[in-house]
Amino acid sequence: MADRVSVSITIGGNLPADQVPKLIELANASGLTLEWEGEALSDDDIKSGEHLRMRAHDVTIGDVDEIEEFCCTNDLPFVCWTDGSAGSFNPETIIWVGEGPRHSFNATDDGKTLISEEEARELGSYEAILKHFALGSFEPPVLTIVPTNS
């Protein structure tokens, strides 16, 4: 049986109105809700002007790749934290700022960015380490539902 862990994801940016149903479908398929062990998402849960913060327990290997792909395809910056599983993998945070590659960070159980001695050496300077932590503390803009282009 695969490891099952907790996951939380915060999504922001401009979401086309016609993509709201797809986002809800993907979130519900992953078991993501607004509260730990909350109710399935509905249209009323996706609010413009707020971050969309979703979470779930017991997600197989913390995999919410379909939501992450949806966010990248629709230019929605996100921060996704996945808890670790003893002996298998450590907690991590995946950040996508709305462009470029996704960034992966070692994290604490409450989502704070960590850095190993090896990573510090690879980064090479105090300034680079500070930039690493700045990126690791990225928070997306609020979610804005925008009219669909005709």
C-alpha atoms as a PDB file:
ATOM      1  CA  MET A   1       0.000   0.000   0.000  1.00  0.00           C
ATOM      2  CA  ALA A   2       1.352   3.423  -0.944  1.00  0.00           C
ATOM      3  CA  ASP A   3       2.156   6.021   1.700  1.00  0.00           C
ATOM      4  CA  ARG A   4      -0.718   8.406   2.363  1.00  0.00           C
ATOM      5  CA  VAL A   5      -0.007  11.874   3.723  1.00  0.00           C
ATOM      6  CA  SER A   6      -1.565  15.276   4.300  1.00  0.00           C
ATOM      7  CA  VAL A   7      -1.427  17.967   1.631  1.00  0.00           C
ATOM      8  CA  SER A   8      -2.348  21.635   1.499  1.00  0.00           C
ATOM      9  CA  ILE A   9      -2.332  23.916  -1.523  1.00  0.00           C
ATOM     10  CA  THR A  10      -2.861  27.665  -1.811  1.00  0.00           C
ATOM     11  CA  ILE A  11      -3.825  28.948  -5.249  1.00  0.00           C
ATOM     12  CA  GLY A  12      -4.071  32.506  -6.540  1.00  0.00           C
ATOM     13  CA  GLY A  13      -4.060  34.478  -9.769  1.00  0.00           C
ATOM     14  CA  ASN A  14      -6.654  35.088 -12.464  1.00  0.00           C
ATOM     15  CA  LEU A  15      -8.937  32.106 -13.042  1.00  0.00           C
ATOM     16  CA  PRO A  16     -11.190  32.216 -16.120  1.00  0.00           C
ATOM     17  CA  ALA A  17     -14.794  31.686 -15.031  1.00  0.00           C
ATOM     18  CA  ASP A  18     -15.246  28.782 -17.439  1.00  0.00           C
ATOM     19  CA  GLN A  19     -12.418  26.902 -15.678  1.00  0.00           C
ATOM     20  CA  VAL A  20     -14.037  26.974 -12.213  1.00  0.00           C
ATOM     21  CA  PRO A  21     -15.963  23.694 -12.788  1.00  0.00           C
ATOM     22  CA  LYS A  22     -12.752  21.910 -13.863  1.00  0.00           C
ATOM     23  CA  LEU A  23     -10.894  23.174 -10.798  1.00  0.00           C
ATOM     24  CA  ILE A  24     -13.713  21.935  -8.562  1.00  0.00           C
ATOM     25  CA  GLU A  25     -13.736  18.563 -10.335  1.00  0.00           C
ATOM     26  CA  LEU A  26      -9.970  18.111  -9.870  1.00  0.00           C
ATOM     27  CA  ALA A  27     -10.062  19.244  -6.243  1.00  0.00           C
ATOM     28  CA  ASN A  28     -12.894  16.858  -5.409  1.00  0.00           C
ATOM     29  CA  ALA A  29     -11.152  13.977  -7.207  1.00  0.00           C
ATOM     30  CA  SER A  30      -8.090  14.597  -5.010  1.00  0.00           C
ATOM     31  CA  GLY A  31     -10.175  14.886  -1.841  1.00  0.00           C
ATOM     32  CA  LEU A  32      -9.160  18.530  -1.354  1.00  0.00           C
ATOM     33  CA  THR A  33     -11.525  20.625   0.771  1.00  0.00           C
ATOM     34  CA  LEU A  34     -11.486  24.062   2.402  1.00  0.00           C
ATOM     35  CA  GLU A  35     -11.113  22.542   5.878  1.00  0.00           C
ATOM     36  CA  TRP A  36      -9.334  19.407   7.038  1.00  0.00           C
ATOM     37  CA  GLU A  37     -11.884  16.626   6.474  1.00  0.00           C
ATOM     38  CA  GLY A  38     -14.364  19.177   5.112  1.00  0.00           C
ATOM     39  CA  GLU A  39     -17.144  18.864   2.568  1.00  0.00           C
ATOM     40  CA  ALA A  40     -16.605  18.489  -1.181  1.00  0.00           C
ATOM     41  CA  LEU A  41     -16.117  21.785  -3.010  1.00  0.00           C
ATOM     42  CA  SER A  42     -18.947  23.559  -4.799  1.00  0.00           C
ATOM     43  CA  ASP A  43     -19.191  26.724  -6.908  1.00  0.00           C
ATOM     44  CA  ASP A  44     -19.934  28.747  -3.765  1.00  0.00           C
ATOM     45  CA  ASP A  45     -16.533  27.811  -2.298  1.00  0.00           C
ATOM     46  CA  ILE A  46     -14.475  29.440  -5.065  1.00  0.00           C
ATOM     47  CA  LYS A  47     -14.414  33.123  -4.131  1.00  0.00           C
ATOM     48  CA  SER A  48     -12.838  35.962  -6.015  1.00  0.00           C
ATOM     49  CA  GLY A  49     -10.613  38.227  -3.926  1.00  0.00           C
ATOM     50  CA  GLU A  50      -9.370  35.484  -1.563  1.00  0.00           C
ATOM     51  CA  HIS A  51      -6.692  32.824  -1.680  1.00  0.00           C
ATOM     52  CA  LEU A  52      -8.078  29.396  -2.445  1.00  0.00           C
ATOM     53  CA  ARG A  53      -6.645  27.263   0.379  1.00  0.00           C
ATOM     54  CA  MET A  54      -7.444  23.578   0.139  1.00  0.00           C
ATOM     55  CA  ARG A  55      -6.258  20.602   2.157  1.00  0.00           C
ATOM     56  CA  ALA A  56      -6.663  16.867   2.513  1.00  0.00           C
ATOM     57  CA  HIS A  57      -5.478  13.963   4.637  1.00  0.00           C
ATOM     58  CA  ASP A  58      -4.585  10.524   3.296  1.00  0.00           C
ATOM     59  CA  VAL A  59      -3.484  11.585  -0.187  1.00  0.00           C
ATOM     60  CA  THR A  60      -1.518   8.797  -1.881  1.00  0.00           C
ATOM     61  CA  ILE A  61       2.160   9.873  -1.826  1.00  0.00           C
ATOM     62  CA  GLY A  62       0.876  13.439  -1.524  1.00  0.00           C
ATOM     63  CA  ASP A  63       0.104  13.445  -5.244  1.00  0.00           C
ATOM     64  CA  VAL A  64      -1.993  16.393  -6.385  1.00  0.00           C
ATOM     65  CA  ASP A  65      -0.164  16.662  -9.710  1.00  0.00           C
ATOM     66  CA  GLU A  66      -3.381  17.168 -11.694  1.00  0.00           C
ATOM     67  CA  ILE A  67      -4.221  20.296  -9.670  1.00  0.00           C
ATOM     68  CA  GLU A  68      -0.637  21.547 -10.058  1.00  0.00           C
ATOM     69  CA  GLU A  69      -0.782  20.966 -13.838  1.00  0.00           C
ATOM     70  CA  PHE A  70      -4.143  22.748 -13.997  1.00  0.00           C
ATOM     71  CA  CYS A  71      -2.609  25.716 -12.171  1.00  0.00           C
ATOM     72  CA  CYS A  72       0.384  25.880 -14.516  1.00  0.00           C
ATOM     73  CA  THR A  73      -1.816  25.555 -17.608  1.00  0.00           C
ATOM     74  CA  ASN A  74      -4.077  28.361 -16.367  1.00  0.00           C
ATOM     75  CA  ASP A  75      -1.268  30.631 -15.062  1.00  0.00           C
ATOM     76  CA  LEU A  76      -2.340  30.260 -11.419  1.00  0.00           C
ATOM     77  CA  PRO A  77       0.577  30.615  -8.987  1.00  0.00           C
ATOM     78  CA  PHE A  78       0.476  28.131  -6.110  1.00  0.00           C
ATOM     79  CA  VAL A  79       2.201  26.829  -3.004  1.00  0.00           C
ATOM     80  CA  CYS A  80       1.679  23.134  -2.286  1.00  0.00           C
ATOM     81  CA  TRP A  81       2.909  21.527   0.945  1.00  0.00           C
ATOM     82  CA  THR A  82       3.086  17.754   1.314  1.00  0.00           C
ATOM     83  CA  ASP A  83       3.740  16.027   4.621  1.00  0.00           C
ATOM     84  CA  GLY A  84       6.454  13.401   4.819  1.00  0.00           C
ATOM     85  CA  SER A  85       6.206   9.693   5.414  1.00  0.00           C
ATOM     86  CA  ALA A  86       8.765   8.200   7.805  1.00  0.00           C
ATOM     87  CA  GLY A  87      11.308   6.127   5.922  1.00  0.00           C
ATOM     88  CA  SER A  88       9.930   7.102   2.507  1.00  0.00           C
ATOM     89  CA  PHE A  89      10.084  10.852   1.891  1.00  0.00           C
ATOM     90  CA  ASN A  90      10.363  14.122   3.789  1.00  0.00           C
ATOM     91  CA  PRO A  91       7.883  16.990   3.885  1.00  0.00           C
ATOM     92  CA  GLU A  92       8.266  19.328   0.926  1.00  0.00           C
ATOM     93  CA  THR A  93       6.817  22.465  -0.551  1.00  0.00           C
ATOM     94  CA  ILE A  94       6.351  22.922  -4.300  1.00  0.00           C
ATOM     95  CA  ILE A  95       6.091  26.533  -5.440  1.00  0.00           C
ATOM     96  CA  TRP A  96       5.160  27.885  -8.824  1.00  0.00           C
ATOM     97  CA  VAL A  97       5.278  31.678  -9.089  1.00  0.00           C
ATOM     98  CA  GLY A  98       3.274  31.839 -12.317  1.00  0.00           C
ATOM     99  CA  GLU A  99       6.123  31.317 -14.758  1.00  0.00           C
ATOM    100  CA  GLY A 100       9.238  29.237 -15.189  1.00  0.00           C
ATOM    101  CA  PRO A 101       9.858  25.936 -13.440  1.00  0.00           C
ATOM    102  CA  ARG A 102       8.269  24.670 -10.261  1.00  0.00           C
ATOM    103  CA  HIS A 103      10.563  24.905  -7.262  1.00  0.00           C
ATOM    104  CA  SER A 104      10.828  22.180  -4.627  1.00  0.00           C
ATOM    105  CA  PHE A 105      11.908  22.888  -1.053  1.00  0.00           C
ATOM    106  CA  ASN A 106      12.508  20.673   1.948  1.00  0.00           C
ATOM    107  CA  ALA A 107       9.982  21.744   4.558  1.00  0.00           C
ATOM    108  CA  THR A 108       9.011  21.367   8.175  1.00  0.00           C
ATOM    109  CA  ASP A 109       5.795  19.685   9.258  1.00  0.00           C
ATOM    110  CA  ASP A 110       4.131  23.101   9.191  1.00  0.00           C
ATOM    111  CA  GLY A 111       5.437  24.137   5.768  1.00  0.00           C
ATOM    112  CA  LYS A 112       8.440  26.289   6.639  1.00  0.00           C
ATOM    113  CA  THR A 113      11.361  26.046   4.210  1.00  0.00           C
ATOM    114  CA  LEU A 114      14.445  24.140   5.333  1.00  0.00           C
ATOM    115  CA  ILE A 115      17.892  24.006   3.822  1.00  0.00           C
ATOM    116  CA  SER A 116      20.463  21.247   4.145  1.00  0.00           C
ATOM    117  CA  GLU A 117      24.189  21.751   4.495  1.00  0.00           C
ATOM    118  CA  GLU A 118      24.602  20.339   0.988  1.00  0.00           C
ATOM    119  CA  GLU A 119      22.084  22.837  -0.453  1.00  0.00           C
ATOM    120  CA  ALA A 120      23.811  25.714   1.356  1.00  0.00           C
ATOM    121  CA  ARG A 121      27.143  24.705  -0.163  1.00  0.00           C
ATOM    122  CA  GLU A 122      25.579  24.396  -3.635  1.00  0.00           C
ATOM    123  CA  LEU A 123      24.011  27.847  -3.337  1.00  0.00           C
ATOM    124  CA  GLY A 124      27.448  29.172  -2.486  1.00  0.00           C
ATOM    125  CA  SER A 125      26.753  32.545  -0.878  1.00  0.00           C
ATOM    126  CA  TYR A 126      24.743  34.067   1.903  1.00  0.00           C
ATOM    127  CA  GLU A 127      22.884  36.183  -0.666  1.00  0.00           C
ATOM    128  CA  ALA A 128      21.912  33.064  -2.650  1.00  0.00           C
ATOM    129  CA  ILE A 129      20.700  31.380   0.547  1.00  0.00           C
ATOM    130  CA  LEU A 130      18.545  34.422   1.357  1.00  0.00           C
ATOM    131  CA  LYS A 131      17.064  34.315  -2.172  1.00  0.00           C
ATOM    132  CA  HIS A 132      16.338  30.602  -1.663  1.00  0.00           C
ATOM    133  CA  PHE A 133      14.405  31.362   1.528  1.00  0.00           C
ATOM    134  CA  ALA A 134      12.614  34.316  -0.092  1.00  0.00           C
ATOM    135  CA  LEU A 135      11.373  32.076  -2.902  1.00  0.00           C
ATOM    136  CA  GLY A 136      10.490  29.399  -0.336  1.00  0.00           C
ATOM    137  CA  SER A 137       8.215  31.855   1.473  1.00  0.00           C
ATOM    138  CA  PHE A 138       6.362  32.953  -1.685  1.00  0.00           C
ATOM    139  CA  GLU A 139       2.639  33.530  -1.262  1.00  0.00           C
ATOM    140  CA  PRO A 140       0.472  33.672  -4.369  1.00  0.00           C
ATOM    141  CA  PRO A 141      -1.745  36.671  -5.071  1.00  0.00           C
ATOM    142  CA  VAL A 142      -5.426  36.293  -4.225  1.00  0.00           C
ATOM    143  CA  LEU A 143      -7.614  34.355  -6.635  1.00  0.00           C
ATOM    144  CA  THR A 144      -9.641  36.483  -9.029  1.00  0.00           C
ATOM    145  CA  ILE A 145     -12.405  34.966 -11.140  1.00  0.00           C
ATOM    146  CA  VAL A 146     -12.278  36.716 -14.511  1.00  0.00           C
ATOM    147  CA  PRO A 147     -14.827  36.648 -17.325  1.00  0.00           C
ATOM    148  CA  THR A 148     -14.089  34.078 -19.992  1.00  0.00           C
ATOM    149  CA  ASN A 149     -12.758  35.474 -23.257  1.00  0.00           C
ATOM    150  CA  SER A 150     -15.246  34.926 -26.076  1.00  0.00           C
END
